[in-house]
PDB file of N, CA and C in Angstrom:
ATOM      1  N   MET A   1      16.519 -11.350  15.569  1.00  0.00           N
ATOM      2  CA  MET A   1      16.701 -11.129  14.150  1.00  0.00           C
ATOM      3  C   MET A   1      16.097  -9.798  13.697  1.00  0.00           C
ATOM      4  N   PRO A   2      14.826  -9.483  14.025  1.00  0.00           N
ATOM      5  CA  PRO A   2      14.261  -8.207  13.589  1.00  0.00           C
ATOM      6  C   PRO A   2      15.003  -7.005  14.186  1.00  0.00           C
ATOM      7  N   VAL A   3      15.596  -7.172  15.371  1.00  0.00           N
ATOM      8  CA  VAL A   3      16.327  -6.066  15.980  1.00  0.00           C
ATOM      9  C   VAL A   3      17.541  -5.722  15.132  1.00  0.00           C
ATOM     10  N   ASP A   4      18.183  -6.727  14.552  1.00  0.00           N
ATOM     11  CA  ASP A   4      19.339  -6.488  13.690  1.00  0.00           C
ATOM     12  C   ASP A   4      18.946  -5.651  12.478  1.00  0.00           C
ATOM     13  N   ILE A   5      17.805  -5.945  11.901  1.00  0.00           N
ATOM     14  CA  ILE A   5      17.330  -5.216  10.725  1.00  0.00           C
ATOM     15  C   ILE A   5      17.057  -3.764  11.096  1.00  0.00           C
ATOM     16  N   ILE A   6      16.443  -3.537  12.244  1.00  0.00           N
ATOM     17  CA  ILE A   6      16.140  -2.178  12.686  1.00  0.00           C
ATOM     18  C   ILE A   6      17.428  -1.392  12.909  1.00  0.00           C
ATOM     19  N   VAL A   7      18.422  -2.022  13.506  1.00  0.00           N
ATOM     20  CA  VAL A   7      19.701  -1.352  13.743  1.00  0.00           C
ATOM     21  C   VAL A   7      20.359  -0.972  12.420  1.00  0.00           C
ATOM     22  N   VAL A   8      20.347  -1.880  11.468  1.00  0.00           N
ATOM     23  CA  VAL A   8      20.937  -1.596  10.155  1.00  0.00           C
ATOM     24  C   VAL A   8      20.205  -0.450   9.479  1.00  0.00           C
ATOM     25  N   LEU A   9      18.876  -0.461   9.530  1.00  0.00           N
ATOM     26  CA  LEU A   9      18.105   0.622   8.914  1.00  0.00           C
ATOM     27  C   LEU A   9      18.385   1.966   9.576  1.00  0.00           C
ATOM     28  N   LEU A  10      18.541   1.979  10.891  1.00  0.00           N
ATOM     29  CA  LEU A  10      18.867   3.222  11.583  1.00  0.00           C
ATOM     30  C   LEU A  10      20.252   3.730  11.207  1.00  0.00           C
ATOM     31  N   ILE A  11      21.187   2.829  11.047  1.00  0.00           N
ATOM     32  CA  ILE A  11      22.531   3.237  10.615  1.00  0.00           C
ATOM     33  C   ILE A  11      22.479   3.821   9.205  1.00  0.00           C
ATOM     34  N   ILE A  12      21.750   3.178   8.317  1.00  0.00           N
ATOM     35  CA  ILE A  12      21.607   3.688   6.946  1.00  0.00           C
ATOM     36  C   ILE A  12      20.936   5.055   6.962  1.00  0.00           C
ATOM     37  N   LEU A  13      19.900   5.216   7.779  1.00  0.00           N
ATOM     38  CA  LEU A  13      19.222   6.508   7.892  1.00  0.00           C
ATOM     39  C   LEU A  13      20.190   7.577   8.385  1.00  0.00           C
ATOM     40  N   GLY A  14      21.014   7.242   9.359  1.00  0.00           N
ATOM     41  CA  GLY A  14      22.004   8.188   9.862  1.00  0.00           C
ATOM     42  C   GLY A  14      22.992   8.610   8.789  1.00  0.00           C
ATOM     43  N   ILE A  15      23.455   7.656   8.000  1.00  0.00           N
ATOM     44  CA  ILE A  15      24.390   7.972   6.909  1.00  0.00           C
ATOM     45  C   ILE A  15      23.726   8.870   5.872  1.00  0.00           C
ATOM     46  N   VAL A  16      22.473   8.573   5.541  1.00  0.00           N
ATOM     47  CA  VAL A  16      21.745   9.381   4.558  1.00  0.00           C
ATOM     48  C   VAL A  16      21.565  10.806   5.067  1.00  0.00           C
ATOM     49  N   VAL A  17      21.246  10.962   6.345  1.00  0.00           N
ATOM     50  CA  VAL A  17      21.065  12.308   6.912  1.00  0.00           C
ATOM     51  C   VAL A  17      22.374  13.083   6.847  1.00  0.00           C
ATOM     52  N   VAL A  18      23.469  12.423   7.147  1.00  0.00           N
ATOM     53  CA  VAL A  18      24.761  13.105   7.103  1.00  0.00           C
ATOM     54  C   VAL A  18      25.112  13.494   5.668  1.00  0.00           C
ATOM     55  N   LEU A  19      24.876  12.615   4.722  1.00  0.00           N
ATOM     56  CA  LEU A  19      25.248  12.883   3.336  1.00  0.00           C
ATOM     57  C   LEU A  19      24.316  13.883   2.655  1.00  0.00           C
ATOM     58  N   ARG A  20      23.033  13.740   2.864  1.00  0.00           N
ATOM     59  CA  ARG A  20      22.057  14.601   2.173  1.00  0.00           C
ATOM     60  C   ARG A  20      21.708  15.860   2.950  1.00  0.00           C
ATOM     61  N   GLY A  21      21.888  15.842   4.225  1.00  0.00           N
ATOM     62  CA  GLY A  21      21.557  17.000   5.037  1.00  0.00           C
ATOM     63  C   GLY A  21      20.150  16.909   5.577  1.00  0.00           C
ATOM     64  N   PRO A  22      19.923  17.515   6.716  1.00  0.00           N
ATOM     65  CA  PRO A  22      18.604  17.422   7.353  1.00  0.00           C
ATOM     66  C   PRO A  22      17.510  18.228   6.649  1.00  0.00           C
ATOM     67  N   LYS A  23      17.864  19.088   5.719  1.00  0.00           N
ATOM     68  CA  LYS A  23      16.848  19.903   5.042  1.00  0.00           C
ATOM     69  C   LYS A  23      15.977  19.086   4.099  1.00  0.00           C
ATOM     70  N   THR A  24      16.483  17.963   3.614  1.00  0.00           N
ATOM     71  CA  THR A  24      15.705  17.162   2.662  1.00  0.00           C
ATOM     72  C   THR A  24      14.763  16.183   3.350  1.00  0.00           C
ATOM     73  N   LEU A  25      14.947  15.955   4.650  1.00  0.00           N
ATOM     74  CA  LEU A  25      14.099  14.988   5.354  1.00  0.00           C
ATOM     75  C   LEU A  25      12.618  15.362   5.345  1.00  0.00           C
ATOM     76  N   PRO A  26      12.234  16.617   5.560  1.00  0.00           N
ATOM     77  CA  PRO A  26      10.799  16.930   5.498  1.00  0.00           C
ATOM     78  C   PRO A  26      10.182  16.631   4.130  1.00  0.00           C
ATOM     79  N   LYS A  27      10.936  16.866   3.066  1.00  0.00           N
ATOM     80  CA  LYS A  27      10.422  16.552   1.722  1.00  0.00           C
ATOM     81  C   LYS A  27      10.218  15.048   1.571  1.00  0.00           C
ATOM     82  N   TRP A  28      11.172  14.270   2.081  1.00  0.00           N
ATOM     83  CA  TRP A  28      11.048  12.816   2.001  1.00  0.00           C
ATOM     84  C   TRP A  28       9.885  12.325   2.841  1.00  0.00           C
ATOM     85  N   GLY A  29       9.718  12.922   4.006  1.00  0.00           N
ATOM     86  CA  GLY A  29       8.605  12.538   4.874  1.00  0.00           C
ATOM     87  C   GLY A  29       7.261  12.837   4.233  1.00  0.00           C
ATOM     88  N   GLU A  30       7.183  13.996   3.590  1.00  0.00           N
ATOM     89  CA  GLU A  30       5.943  14.370   2.910  1.00  0.00           C
ATOM     90  C   GLU A  30       5.651  13.413   1.752  1.00  0.00           C
ATOM     91  N   ALA A  31       6.674  13.089   0.983  1.00  0.00           N
ATOM     92  CA  ALA A  31       6.490  12.167  -0.136  1.00  0.00           C
ATOM     93  C   ALA A  31       6.079  10.780   0.364  1.00  0.00           C
ATOM     94  N   LEU A  32       6.701  10.326   1.445  1.00  0.00           N
ATOM     95  CA  LEU A  32       6.345   9.029   2.007  1.00  0.00           C
ATOM     96  C   LEU A  32       4.909   9.036   2.533  1.00  0.00           C
ATOM     97  N   GLY A  33       4.519  10.115   3.182  1.00  0.00           N
ATOM     98  CA  GLY A  33       3.144  10.236   3.679  1.00  0.00           C
ATOM     99  C   GLY A  33       2.125  10.219   2.555  1.00  0.00           C
ATOM    100  N   GLN A  34       2.421  10.916   1.473  1.00  0.00           N
ATOM    101  CA  GLN A  34       1.509  10.918   0.330  1.00  0.00           C
ATOM    102  C   GLN A  34       1.414   9.533  -0.298  1.00  0.00           C
ATOM    103  N   ALA A  35       2.546   8.829  -0.359  1.00  0.00           N
ATOM    104  CA  ALA A  35       2.532   7.483  -0.935  1.00  0.00           C
ATOM    105  C   ALA A  35       1.703   6.538  -0.080  1.00  0.00           C
ATOM    106  N   VAL A  36       1.859   6.613   1.237  1.00  0.00           N
ATOM    107  CA  VAL A  36       1.091   5.750   2.134  1.00  0.00           C
ATOM    108  C   VAL A  36      -0.392   6.091   2.049  1.00  0.00           C
ATOM    109  N   ARG A  37      -0.703   7.376   2.022  1.00  0.00           N
ATOM    110  CA  ARG A  37      -2.101   7.812   1.924  1.00  0.00           C
ATOM    111  C   ARG A  37      -2.724   7.316   0.613  1.00  0.00           C
ATOM    112  N   GLY A  38      -1.983   7.433  -0.484  1.00  0.00           N
ATOM    113  CA  GLY A  38      -2.483   6.955  -1.776  1.00  0.00           C
ATOM    114  C   GLY A  38      -2.695   5.456  -1.784  1.00  0.00           C
ATOM    115  N   ALA A  39      -1.769   4.723  -1.181  1.00  0.00           N
ATOM    116  CA  ALA A  39      -1.903   3.270  -1.128  1.00  0.00           C
ATOM    117  C   ALA A  39      -3.122   2.869  -0.312  1.00  0.00           C
ATOM    118  N   ARG A  40      -3.349   3.543   0.800  1.00  0.00           N
ATOM    119  CA  ARG A  40      -4.524   3.234   1.631  1.00  0.00           C
ATOM    120  C   ARG A  40      -5.815   3.536   0.880  1.00  0.00           C
ATOM    121  N   THR A  41      -5.841   4.658   0.160  1.00  0.00           N
ATOM    122  CA  THR A  41      -7.031   5.026  -0.601  1.00  0.00           C
ATOM    123  C   THR A  41      -7.335   3.985  -1.665  1.00  0.00           C
ATOM    124  N   GLU A  42      -6.314   3.580  -2.404  1.00  0.00           N
ATOM    125  CA  GLU A  42      -6.521   2.580  -3.455  1.00  0.00           C
ATOM    126  C   GLU A  42      -6.908   1.227  -2.877  1.00  0.00           C
ATOM    127  N   ALA A  43      -6.334   0.867  -1.737  1.00  0.00           N
ATOM    128  CA  ALA A  43      -6.699  -0.406  -1.101  1.00  0.00           C
ATOM    129  C   ALA A  43      -8.152  -0.387  -0.659  1.00  0.00           C
ATOM    130  N   THR A  44      -8.599   0.746  -0.136  1.00  0.00           N
ATOM    131  CA  THR A  44      -9.994   0.874   0.283  1.00  0.00           C
ATOM    132  C   THR A  44     -10.926   0.790  -0.919  1.00  0.00           C
ATOM    133  N   LYS A  45     -10.546   1.442  -2.024  1.00  0.00           N
ATOM    134  CA  LYS A  45     -11.361   1.370  -3.241  1.00  0.00           C
ATOM    135  C   LYS A  45     -11.439  -0.060  -3.759  1.00  0.00           C
ATOM    136  N   ALA A  46     -10.301  -0.744  -3.777  1.00  0.00           N
ATOM    137  CA  ALA A  46     -10.282  -2.123  -4.270  1.00  0.00           C
ATOM    138  C   ALA A  46     -11.110  -3.032  -3.374  1.00  0.00           C
ATOM    139  N   GLN A  47     -11.008  -2.834  -2.066  1.00  0.00           N
ATOM    140  CA  GLN A  47     -11.783  -3.646  -1.131  1.00  0.00           C
ATOM    141  C   GLN A  47     -13.278  -3.399  -1.330  1.00  0.00           C
ATOM    142  N   GLY A  48     -13.664  -2.153  -1.542  1.00  0.00           N
ATOM    143  CA  GLY A  48     -15.067  -1.838  -1.788  1.00  0.00           C
ATOM    144  C   GLY A  48     -15.568  -2.462  -3.079  1.00  0.00           C
ATOM    145  N   GLU A  49     -14.744  -2.437  -4.113  1.00  0.00           N
ATOM    146  CA  GLU A  49     -15.122  -3.038  -5.394  1.00  0.00           C
ATOM    147  C   GLU A  49     -15.268  -4.554  -5.266  1.00  0.00           C
ATOM    148  N   ILE A  50     -14.367  -5.172  -4.544  1.00  0.00           N
ATOM    149  CA  ILE A  50     -14.459  -6.619  -4.337  1.00  0.00           C
ATOM    150  C   ILE A  50     -15.719  -6.966  -3.553  1.00  0.00           C
ATOM    151  N   GLN A  51     -15.997  -6.204  -2.509  1.00  0.00           N
ATOM    152  CA  GLN A  51     -17.195  -6.454  -1.701  1.00  0.00           C
ATOM    153  C   GLN A  51     -18.454  -6.259  -2.526  1.00  0.00           C
ATOM    154  N   LYS A  52     -18.435  -5.229  -3.385  1.00  0.00           N
ATOM    155  CA  LYS A  52     -19.591  -4.957  -4.241  1.00  0.00           C
ATOM    156  C   LYS A  52     -19.829  -6.112  -5.198  1.00  0.00           C
ATOM    157  N   ARG A  53     -18.754  -6.658  -5.752  1.00  0.00           N
ATOM    158  CA  ARG A  53     -18.904  -7.785  -6.680  1.00  0.00           C
ATOM    159  C   ARG A  53     -19.355  -9.049  -5.959  1.00  0.00           C
ATOM    160  N   LEU A  54     -18.928  -9.229  -4.719  1.00  0.00           N
ATOM    161  CA  LEU A  54     -19.356 -10.398  -3.955  1.00  0.00           C
ATOM    162  C   LEU A  54     -20.827 -10.303  -3.563  1.00  0.00           C
ATOM    163  N   ASP A  55     -21.316  -9.082  -3.341  1.00  0.00           N
ATOM    164  CA  ASP A  55     -22.701  -8.890  -2.930  1.00  0.00           C
ATOM    165  C   ASP A  55     -23.681  -8.997  -4.086  1.00  0.00           C
ATOM    166  N   GLU A  56     -23.216  -8.759  -5.329  1.00  0.00           N
ATOM    167  CA  GLU A  56     -24.113  -8.814  -6.477  1.00  0.00           C
ATOM    168  C   GLU A  56     -24.459 -10.268  -6.809  1.00  0.00           C
ATOM    169  N   PRO A  57     -25.712 -10.507  -7.194  1.00  0.00           N
ATOM    170  CA  PRO A  57     -26.041 -11.864  -7.659  1.00  0.00           C
ATOM    171  C   PRO A  57     -25.339 -12.097  -8.992  1.00  0.00           C
ATOM    172  N   ASP A  58     -24.797 -13.272  -9.155  1.00  0.00           N
ATOM    173  CA  ASP A  58     -24.020 -13.579 -10.346  1.00  0.00           C
ATOM    174  C   ASP A  58     -24.935 -14.163 -11.415  1.00  0.00           C
ATOM    175  N   SER A  59     -25.306 -13.358 -12.411  1.00  0.00           N
ATOM    176  CA  SER A  59     -26.214 -13.818 -13.462  1.00  0.00           C
ATOM    177  C   SER A  59     -25.466 -14.590 -14.540  1.00  0.00           C
ATOM    178  N   THR A  60     -24.145 -14.495 -14.586  1.00  0.00           N
ATOM    179  CA  THR A  60     -23.407 -15.210 -15.623  1.00  0.00           C
ATOM    180  C   THR A  60     -23.423 -16.705 -15.387  1.00  0.00           C
ATOM    181  N   ASP A  61     -23.559 -17.146 -14.128  1.00  0.00           N
ATOM    182  CA  ASP A  61     -23.629 -18.577 -13.857  1.00  0.00           C
ATOM    183  C   ASP A  61     -24.907 -19.176 -14.446  1.00  0.00           C
ATOM    184  N   ASP A  62     -26.010 -18.441 -14.376  1.00  0.00           N
ATOM    185  CA  ASP A  62     -27.266 -18.941 -14.901  1.00  0.00           C
ATOM    186  C   ASP A  62     -27.214 -19.061 -16.423  1.00  0.00           C
ATOM    187  N   GLU A  63     -26.559 -18.112 -17.081  1.00  0.00           N
ATOM    188  CA  GLU A  63     -26.473 -18.118 -18.535  1.00  0.00           C
ATOM    189  C   GLU A  63     -25.507 -19.195 -19.021  1.00  0.00           C
ATOM    190  N   ALA A  64     -24.501 -19.525 -18.242  1.00  0.00           N
ATOM    191  CA  ALA A  64     -23.489 -20.476 -18.648  1.00  0.00           C
ATOM    192  C   ALA A  64     -23.981 -21.919 -18.541  1.00  0.00           C
ATOM    193  N   ARG A  65     -24.987 -22.163 -17.723  1.00  0.00           N
ATOM    194  CA  ARG A  65     -25.483 -23.524 -17.539  1.00  0.00           C
ATOM    195  C   ARG A  65     -26.349 -23.930 -18.738  1.00  0.00           C
ATOM    196  N   PRO A  66     -26.147 -25.114 -19.230  1.00  0.00           N
ATOM    197  CA  PRO A  66     -27.008 -25.569 -20.328  1.00  0.00           C
ATOM    198  C   PRO A  66     -28.402 -25.889 -19.811  1.00  0.00           C
ATOM    199  N   SER A  67     -29.398 -25.574 -20.608  1.00  0.00           N
ATOM    200  CA  SER A  67     -30.756 -25.861 -20.192  1.00  0.00           C
ATOM    201  C   SER A  67     -31.062 -27.345 -20.419  1.00  0.00           C
ATOM    202  N   ALA A  68     -31.821 -27.932 -19.519  1.00  0.00           N
ATOM    203  CA  ALA A  68     -32.105 -29.365 -19.595  1.00  0.00           C
ATOM    204  C   ALA A  68     -33.336 -29.660 -20.388  1.00  0.00           C
TER     205      ALA A  68
END
């Protein structure tokens, strides 16, 4: 099943290269690389923020509990 998807994507890529020309491929590659790099950077930032929040002691739980 995954091989079929790869074959279809390669055929689509071939059609796009023929229609748009090979001169636009480097621009597309650069844009794709920047998008992947940006996504990785944001994922790393989000992971760091989540880890930071997990490591902090949660003082809101103490305030939310009614005193006995």
